């Protein structure tokens, strides 16, 4: 339930608002580490912390259903999909020169501009509104389901197709790598056999 700001103020926060701010800072720090660490597995683990922090934020906003969906789908499915993709493609775990395009300043500029635009949109949209945490749950299953399948069904299905495409792509890349290694193995064996056979003939010539 959204209510207009009355006696609330930034100088008199409640305990829930303080907890929301602290969890938000932890989530922000985990997100920054996720995109800055050179270790891919560490990035995936810090992503778990960031997504878990978002779930806690949903709980503080009395949106229990959204919080559990966050844990089950994003923490339990998306992160597992990333780890499976790393294992299937045998991607380098540490820093890789092939993955560094050298456009760090351009990427940082785009990221800061995108973050500023998102913050401005959210602040402008909810500048004078407050969530009544003592009222009825705003993130119930009925309300969320109606909003999801009436207004967000197309993005929801597009995200499902994107995750499926990522998993299929990881499997295809892993099969190509296995086929390449299988094609190189007989050639190496032939060269070794040729070397082994050449040894006795040279020895016979000496004798």
Protein backbone atom coordinates (compact mmCIF):
# COMPACT_ATOMS: atom_id res chain seq x y z
CA UNK A 1 0.00 0.00 0.00
CA UNK A 2 1.48 3.32 -1.06
CA UNK A 3 0.84 6.33 1.15
CA UNK A 4 1.84 9.95 0.84
CA UNK A 5 4.65 11.07 3.09
CA UNK A 6 3.25 12.42 6.32
CA UNK A 7 5.17 12.49 9.54
CA UNK A 8 7.99 10.42 8.06
CA UNK A 9 11.28 12.07 7.32
CA UNK A 10 14.86 11.34 6.45
CA UNK A 11 16.01 12.60 9.86
CA UNK A 12 13.74 10.20 11.79
CA UNK A 13 14.13 6.79 10.15
CA UNK A 14 12.55 3.66 11.58
CA UNK A 15 14.40 0.45 12.38
CA UNK A 16 13.17 -1.19 9.18
CA UNK A 17 14.42 1.75 7.12
CA UNK A 18 17.85 1.59 8.77
CA UNK A 19 18.04 -2.16 8.09
CA UNK A 20 16.98 -1.52 4.50
CA UNK A 21 19.79 1.01 4.08
CA UNK A 22 22.44 -1.26 5.62
CA UNK A 23 21.42 -4.26 3.52
CA UNK A 24 21.39 -2.02 0.46
CA UNK A 25 24.98 -0.93 1.14
CA UNK A 26 26.09 -4.57 1.49
CA UNK A 27 24.28 -5.46 -1.73
CA UNK A 28 25.89 -2.54 -3.55
CA UNK A 29 29.35 -3.54 -2.32
CA UNK A 30 28.82 -7.15 -3.44
CA UNK A 31 27.65 -5.95 -6.85
CA UNK A 32 30.75 -3.77 -7.27
CA UNK A 33 33.03 -6.66 -6.34
CA UNK A 34 31.15 -8.91 -8.77
CA UNK A 35 32.01 -6.73 -11.76
CA UNK A 36 35.55 -5.85 -10.65
CA UNK A 37 37.05 -9.16 -9.48
CA UNK A 38 39.26 -10.94 -12.06
CA UNK A 39 38.17 -14.39 -10.82
CA UNK A 40 35.03 -15.64 -12.57
CA UNK A 41 34.08 -18.08 -9.82
CA UNK A 42 34.53 -15.36 -7.20
CA UNK A 43 32.31 -13.10 -9.30
CA UNK A 44 29.59 -15.77 -9.35
CA UNK A 45 29.80 -16.20 -5.57
CA UNK A 46 29.63 -12.46 -4.95
CA UNK A 47 26.64 -12.38 -7.31
CA UNK A 48 24.94 -14.79 -4.90
CA UNK A 49 25.52 -12.26 -2.10
CA UNK A 50 24.14 -9.40 -4.20
CA UNK A 51 21.03 -11.33 -5.24
CA UNK A 52 20.52 -12.55 -1.68
CA UNK A 53 20.69 -8.96 -0.48
CA UNK A 54 17.94 -8.05 -2.91
CA UNK A 55 15.82 -10.87 -1.50
CA UNK A 56 16.30 -9.45 2.00
CA UNK A 57 15.25 -6.02 0.70
CA UNK A 58 12.04 -7.55 -0.67
CA UNK A 59 11.38 -9.14 2.72
CA UNK A 60 11.80 -5.76 4.42
CA UNK A 61 9.25 -4.34 1.96
CA UNK A 62 6.77 -7.10 3.00
CA UNK A 63 7.00 -8.74 -0.44
CA UNK A 64 7.64 -12.29 0.75
CA UNK A 65 6.61 -13.98 -2.49
CA UNK A 66 8.96 -11.82 -4.58
CA UNK A 67 11.75 -12.52 -2.09
CA UNK A 68 11.40 -16.29 -2.42
CA UNK A 69 11.16 -16.03 -6.20
CA UNK A 70 14.39 -14.02 -6.10
CA UNK A 71 16.11 -16.80 -4.13
CA UNK A 72 14.72 -19.74 -6.10
CA UNK A 73 15.11 -18.34 -9.61
CA UNK A 74 18.07 -15.98 -9.50
CA UNK A 75 20.20 -17.44 -6.71
CA UNK A 76 19.21 -21.05 -7.30
CA UNK A 77 18.98 -21.06 -11.10
CA UNK A 78 20.82 -18.17 -12.73
CA UNK A 79 24.00 -18.50 -10.68
CA UNK A 80 23.98 -22.28 -11.14
CA UNK A 81 23.57 -21.71 -14.89
CA UNK A 82 26.61 -19.40 -14.87
CA UNK A 83 28.71 -21.96 -13.01
CA UNK A 84 27.60 -24.75 -15.36
CA UNK A 85 28.49 -22.54 -18.32
CA UNK A 86 31.98 -22.00 -16.88
CA UNK A 87 32.48 -25.71 -16.34
CA UNK A 88 31.08 -26.84 -19.70
CA UNK A 89 33.06 -24.32 -21.75
CA UNK A 90 36.19 -24.72 -19.58
CA UNK A 91 36.57 -20.96 -19.55
CA UNK A 92 39.70 -19.56 -17.86
CA UNK A 93 39.04 -18.98 -14.19
CA UNK A 94 41.47 -16.11 -13.71
CA UNK A 95 42.29 -13.04 -15.76
CA UNK A 96 42.27 -13.81 -19.49
CA UNK A 97 43.81 -11.53 -22.16
CA UNK A 98 41.21 -12.75 -24.66
CA UNK A 99 38.36 -11.45 -22.50
CA UNK A 100 39.90 -7.99 -21.99
CA UNK A 101 39.01 -5.65 -24.85
CA UNK A 102 40.89 -2.70 -23.34
CA UNK A 103 37.81 -0.44 -23.33
CA UNK A 104 37.57 -0.16 -19.57
CA UNK A 105 37.06 3.60 -19.50
CA UNK A 106 34.32 3.42 -22.12
CA UNK A 107 32.63 0.61 -20.18
CA UNK A 108 32.94 2.59 -16.93
CA UNK A 109 31.43 5.67 -18.57
CA UNK A 110 28.47 3.71 -19.92
CA UNK A 111 27.95 1.99 -16.55
CA UNK A 112 27.99 5.26 -14.60
CA UNK A 113 25.63 6.93 -17.09
CA UNK A 114 23.23 3.98 -16.94
CA UNK A 115 23.30 3.91 -13.14
CA UNK A 116 22.66 7.67 -12.96
CA UNK A 117 19.72 7.36 -15.36
CA UNK A 118 18.19 4.50 -13.35
CA UNK A 119 18.61 6.34 -10.04
CA UNK A 120 17.07 9.49 -11.51
CA UNK A 121 14.08 7.58 -12.89
CA UNK A 122 13.42 5.78 -9.60
CA UNK A 123 13.81 8.91 -7.46
CA UNK A 124 11.61 10.95 -9.80
CA UNK A 125 8.90 8.27 -9.83
CA UNK A 126 8.79 7.64 -6.07
CA UNK A 127 9.89 11.00 -4.69
CA UNK A 128 6.80 11.64 -2.52
CA UNK A 129 5.54 8.11 -1.87
CA UNK A 130 6.06 5.82 1.08
CA UNK A 131 5.29 2.14 1.61
CA UNK A 132 3.12 1.37 4.61
CA UNK A 133 4.94 -1.61 6.15
CA UNK A 134 2.17 -2.08 8.74
CA UNK A 135 -0.55 -2.43 6.10
CA UNK A 136 -1.52 -5.48 4.02
CA UNK A 137 1.22 -7.26 2.08
CA UNK A 138 1.85 -5.52 -1.24
CA UNK A 139 3.75 -8.43 -2.77
CA UNK A 140 1.20 -11.21 -2.31
CA UNK A 141 0.89 -14.07 -4.78
CA UNK A 142 -2.41 -12.84 -6.23
CA UNK A 143 -1.20 -9.28 -6.84
CA UNK A 144 2.15 -10.39 -8.24
CA UNK A 145 0.61 -13.05 -10.50
CA UNK A 146 -1.94 -10.62 -11.90
CA UNK A 147 0.73 -8.00 -12.62
CA UNK A 148 3.15 -10.56 -14.07
CA UNK A 149 0.76 -12.24 -16.50
CA UNK A 150 -1.05 -9.05 -17.49
CA UNK A 151 1.78 -6.55 -17.93
CA UNK A 152 5.11 -8.43 -17.90
CA UNK A 153 4.41 -11.74 -19.62
CA UNK A 154 6.48 -10.89 -22.74
CA UNK A 155 9.67 -9.86 -20.87
CA UNK A 156 9.24 -12.91 -18.61
CA UNK A 157 9.13 -15.29 -21.57
CA UNK A 158 12.00 -13.45 -23.31
CA UNK A 159 14.16 -13.95 -20.20
CA UNK A 160 13.32 -17.66 -20.19
CA UNK A 161 14.39 -17.99 -23.84
CA UNK A 162 17.60 -16.06 -23.09
CA UNK A 163 18.56 -18.41 -20.25
CA UNK A 164 17.79 -21.44 -22.40
CA UNK A 165 19.91 -20.04 -25.24
CA UNK A 166 22.82 -19.48 -22.84
CA UNK A 167 22.67 -23.09 -21.63
CA UNK A 168 22.42 -24.49 -25.18
CA UNK A 169 25.34 -22.28 -26.28
CA UNK A 170 27.50 -23.58 -23.43
CA UNK A 171 26.73 -27.18 -24.42
CA UNK A 172 27.52 -26.51 -28.10
CA UNK A 173 30.84 -24.84 -27.25
CA UNK A 174 31.82 -27.72 -24.97
CA UNK A 175 31.03 -30.30 -27.68
CA UNK A 176 33.13 -28.39 -30.23
CA UNK A 177 36.06 -28.32 -27.82
CA UNK A 178 35.78 -32.06 -27.21
CA UNK A 179 35.61 -32.74 -30.96
CA UNK A 180 38.72 -30.63 -31.55
CA UNK A 181 40.67 -32.48 -28.86
CA UNK A 182 39.51 -35.83 -30.26
CA UNK A 183 40.69 -34.82 -33.75
CA UNK A 184 44.14 -33.84 -32.47
CA UNK A 185 44.70 -37.03 -30.48
CA UNK A 186 45.11 -39.51 -33.45
CA UNK A 187 47.61 -37.22 -35.18
CA UNK A 188 49.76 -37.06 -32.08
CA UNK A 189 49.61 -40.84 -31.72
CA UNK A 190 50.66 -41.35 -35.37
CA UNK A 191 53.66 -39.08 -35.03
CA UNK A 192 54.76 -40.91 -31.91
CA UNK A 193 54.32 -44.27 -33.64
CA UNK A 194 56.37 -43.06 -36.61
CA UNK A 195 59.14 -41.98 -34.31
CA UNK A 196 59.06 -45.33 -32.53
CA UNK A 197 59.24 -47.24 -35.78
CA UNK A 198 62.12 -45.12 -37.09
CA UNK A 199 64.28 -46.00 -34.11
CA UNK A 200 64.88 -49.71 -34.87
CA UNK A 201 65.57 -49.07 -38.58
CA UNK A 202 68.28 -46.57 -37.66
CA UNK A 203 69.74 -49.02 -35.20
CA UNK A 204 69.77 -51.78 -37.81
CA UNK A 205 71.61 -49.46 -40.19
CA UNK A 206 74.29 -48.88 -37.59
CA UNK A 207 74.70 -52.57 -37.02
